[in-house]
Amino acid sequence: MPAGNSALISQELDHVLQWALTYGNNLKVNSSKSREMIVYQAISKIKYLPSVHPKLNRVYEITALGVTFSNTLFCGPHVRIITAKVAASLILYML
């Protein structure tokens, strides 16, 4: 959702929840697993962050399908995690 429409976040979230329950979708949204991440370009500075939605937890990194992304869509966190796992495996292998 564009930054200019941040006042509509509650409406959009309610719309998604309603869509999941109706129109033959028969889906249930797991609110305990739902997160909010504001994505922006790494070269730009954010001057205004919308307030945190009461139904969502704001995160700065998210893992989707095993790949970790930061809020600038940089894969650095994923590379750090994989590197740490490989290093731990190598240490165990060398012992």
C-alpha atoms as a PDB file:
ATOM      1  CA  MET A   1       0.000   0.000   0.000  1.00  0.00           C
ATOM      2  CA  PRO A   2       1.496   3.387  -0.934  1.00  0.00           C
ATOM      3  CA  ALA A   3       2.590   5.657   1.927  1.00  0.00           C
ATOM      4  CA  GLY A   4      -0.038   8.229   1.015  1.00  0.00           C
ATOM      5  CA  ASN A   5      -2.772   5.708   1.795  1.00  0.00           C
ATOM      6  CA  SER A   6      -1.507   4.662   5.234  1.00  0.00           C
ATOM      7  CA  ALA A   7      -4.750   5.906   6.807  1.00  0.00           C
ATOM      8  CA  LEU A   8      -6.567   3.136   4.911  1.00  0.00           C
ATOM      9  CA  ILE A   9      -4.522   0.244   6.357  1.00  0.00           C
ATOM     10  CA  SER A  10      -7.281  -0.789   8.790  1.00  0.00           C
ATOM     11  CA  GLN A  11      -9.872  -0.790   6.019  1.00  0.00           C
ATOM     12  CA  GLU A  12      -7.633  -2.834   3.723  1.00  0.00           C
ATOM     13  CA  LEU A  13      -6.874  -5.361   6.463  1.00  0.00           C
ATOM     14  CA  ASP A  14     -10.580  -5.740   7.240  1.00  0.00           C
ATOM     15  CA  HIS A  15     -11.262  -6.174   3.514  1.00  0.00           C
ATOM     16  CA  VAL A  16      -8.668  -8.970   3.234  1.00  0.00           C
ATOM     17  CA  LEU A  17     -10.109 -10.720   6.303  1.00  0.00           C
ATOM     18  CA  GLN A  18     -13.628 -10.468   4.865  1.00  0.00           C
ATOM     19  CA  TRP A  19     -12.451 -11.714   1.446  1.00  0.00           C
ATOM     20  CA  ALA A  20     -10.803 -14.738   3.058  1.00  0.00           C
ATOM     21  CA  LEU A  21     -14.067 -15.769   4.700  1.00  0.00           C
ATOM     22  CA  THR A  22     -16.410 -15.165   1.773  1.00  0.00           C
ATOM     23  CA  TYR A  23     -16.667 -15.774  -1.954  1.00  0.00           C
ATOM     24  CA  GLY A  24     -16.121 -19.505  -1.545  1.00  0.00           C
ATOM     25  CA  ASN A  25     -12.539 -19.031  -0.376  1.00  0.00           C
ATOM     26  CA  ASN A  26     -13.188 -20.701   2.991  1.00  0.00           C
ATOM     27  CA  LEU A  27      -9.837 -19.409   4.277  1.00  0.00           C
ATOM     28  CA  LYS A  28      -8.951 -18.436   7.824  1.00  0.00           C
ATOM     29  CA  VAL A  29      -6.315 -15.801   8.499  1.00  0.00           C
ATOM     30  CA  ASN A  30      -3.997 -16.728  11.354  1.00  0.00           C
ATOM     31  CA  SER A  31      -3.591 -13.360  13.055  1.00  0.00           C
ATOM     32  CA  SER A  32      -0.872 -14.671  15.377  1.00  0.00           C
ATOM     33  CA  LYS A  33       1.328 -15.273  12.310  1.00  0.00           C
ATOM     34  CA  SER A  34       0.408 -12.045  10.492  1.00  0.00           C
ATOM     35  CA  ARG A  35       3.097  -9.356  10.399  1.00  0.00           C
ATOM     36  CA  GLU A  36       3.526  -5.873   8.999  1.00  0.00           C
ATOM     37  CA  MET A  37       6.710  -4.847   7.202  1.00  0.00           C
ATOM     38  CA  ILE A  38       7.214  -1.465   5.594  1.00  0.00           C
ATOM     39  CA  VAL A  39       9.304  -1.876   2.444  1.00  0.00           C
ATOM     40  CA  TYR A  40      11.319   1.025   1.063  1.00  0.00           C
ATOM     41  CA  GLN A  41      14.363   1.710  -1.107  1.00  0.00           C
ATOM     42  CA  ALA A  42      17.667   1.450   0.720  1.00  0.00           C
ATOM     43  CA  ILE A  43      18.958   4.714  -0.769  1.00  0.00           C
ATOM     44  CA  SER A  44      16.009   6.785   0.456  1.00  0.00           C
ATOM     45  CA  LYS A  45      15.349   7.910   4.004  1.00  0.00           C
ATOM     46  CA  ILE A  46      11.894   7.413   5.440  1.00  0.00           C
ATOM     47  CA  LYS A  47      10.621  10.664   6.916  1.00  0.00           C
ATOM     48  CA  TYR A  48       7.266   9.361   8.078  1.00  0.00           C
ATOM     49  CA  LEU A  49       6.367   5.895   9.330  1.00  0.00           C
ATOM     50  CA  PRO A  50       2.700   5.097   9.770  1.00  0.00           C
ATOM     51  CA  SER A  51       1.634   4.107  13.246  1.00  0.00           C
ATOM     52  CA  VAL A  52       1.756   0.429  14.138  1.00  0.00           C
ATOM     53  CA  HIS A  53      -1.517  -1.340  13.435  1.00  0.00           C
ATOM     54  CA  PRO A  54      -3.025  -2.758  16.653  1.00  0.00           C
ATOM     55  CA  LYS A  55      -3.717  -6.166  15.050  1.00  0.00           C
ATOM     56  CA  LEU A  56      -0.240  -6.582  13.542  1.00  0.00           C
ATOM     57  CA  ASN A  57       3.327  -6.744  14.798  1.00  0.00           C
ATOM     58  CA  ARG A  58       5.812  -4.649  12.829  1.00  0.00           C
ATOM     59  CA  VAL A  59       8.964  -6.453  11.741  1.00  0.00           C
ATOM     60  CA  TYR A  60      12.067  -5.351   9.850  1.00  0.00           C
ATOM     61  CA  GLU A  61      12.976  -8.788   8.499  1.00  0.00           C
ATOM     62  CA  ILE A  62      10.676 -11.512   7.254  1.00  0.00           C
ATOM     63  CA  THR A  63      11.229 -15.084   6.119  1.00  0.00           C
ATOM     64  CA  ALA A  64       9.110 -16.294   3.220  1.00  0.00           C
ATOM     65  CA  LEU A  65       9.603 -19.753   1.732  1.00  0.00           C
ATOM     66  CA  GLY A  66      12.917 -20.088   3.565  1.00  0.00           C
ATOM     67  CA  VAL A  67      14.411 -16.821   2.292  1.00  0.00           C
ATOM     68  CA  THR A  68      14.942 -13.946   4.732  1.00  0.00           C
ATOM     69  CA  PHE A  69      14.412 -10.408   3.419  1.00  0.00           C
ATOM     70  CA  SER A  70      14.998  -7.073   5.120  1.00  0.00           C
ATOM     71  CA  ASN A  71      12.647  -4.107   4.835  1.00  0.00           C
ATOM     72  CA  THR A  72      14.745  -2.850   1.902  1.00  0.00           C
ATOM     73  CA  LEU A  73      14.322  -6.240   0.139  1.00  0.00           C
ATOM     74  CA  PHE A  74      18.043  -6.869   0.656  1.00  0.00           C
ATOM     75  CA  CYS A  75      19.016 -10.523   1.111  1.00  0.00           C
ATOM     76  CA  GLY A  76      21.907  -9.762   3.481  1.00  0.00           C
ATOM     77  CA  PRO A  77      20.107 -11.285   6.499  1.00  0.00           C
ATOM     78  CA  HIS A  78      19.548 -14.494   4.523  1.00  0.00           C
ATOM     79  CA  VAL A  79      23.222 -14.695   3.557  1.00  0.00           C
ATOM     80  CA  ARG A  80      24.265 -14.177   7.208  1.00  0.00           C
ATOM     81  CA  ILE A  81      21.962 -16.988   8.376  1.00  0.00           C
ATOM     82  CA  ILE A  82      23.198 -19.416   5.714  1.00  0.00           C
ATOM     83  CA  THR A  83      26.838 -18.483   6.410  1.00  0.00           C
ATOM     84  CA  ALA A  84      26.369 -19.074  10.148  1.00  0.00           C
ATOM     85  CA  LYS A  85      24.793 -22.490   9.488  1.00  0.00           C
ATOM     86  CA  VAL A  86      27.612 -23.520   7.165  1.00  0.00           C
ATOM     87  CA  ALA A  87      30.248 -22.326   9.641  1.00  0.00           C
ATOM     88  CA  ALA A  88      28.610 -24.301  12.458  1.00  0.00           C
ATOM     89  CA  SER A  89      28.477 -27.418  10.251  1.00  0.00           C
ATOM     90  CA  LEU A  90      32.136 -27.044   9.292  1.00  0.00           C
ATOM     91  CA  ILE A  91      33.190 -26.734  12.922  1.00  0.00           C
ATOM     92  CA  LEU A  92      31.309 -29.921  13.798  1.00  0.00           C
ATOM     93  CA  TYR A  93      32.785 -31.676  10.772  1.00  0.00           C
ATOM     94  CA  MET A  94      36.328 -30.694  11.726  1.00  0.00           C
ATOM     95  CA  LEU A  95      35.976 -32.046  15.277  1.00  0.00           C
END
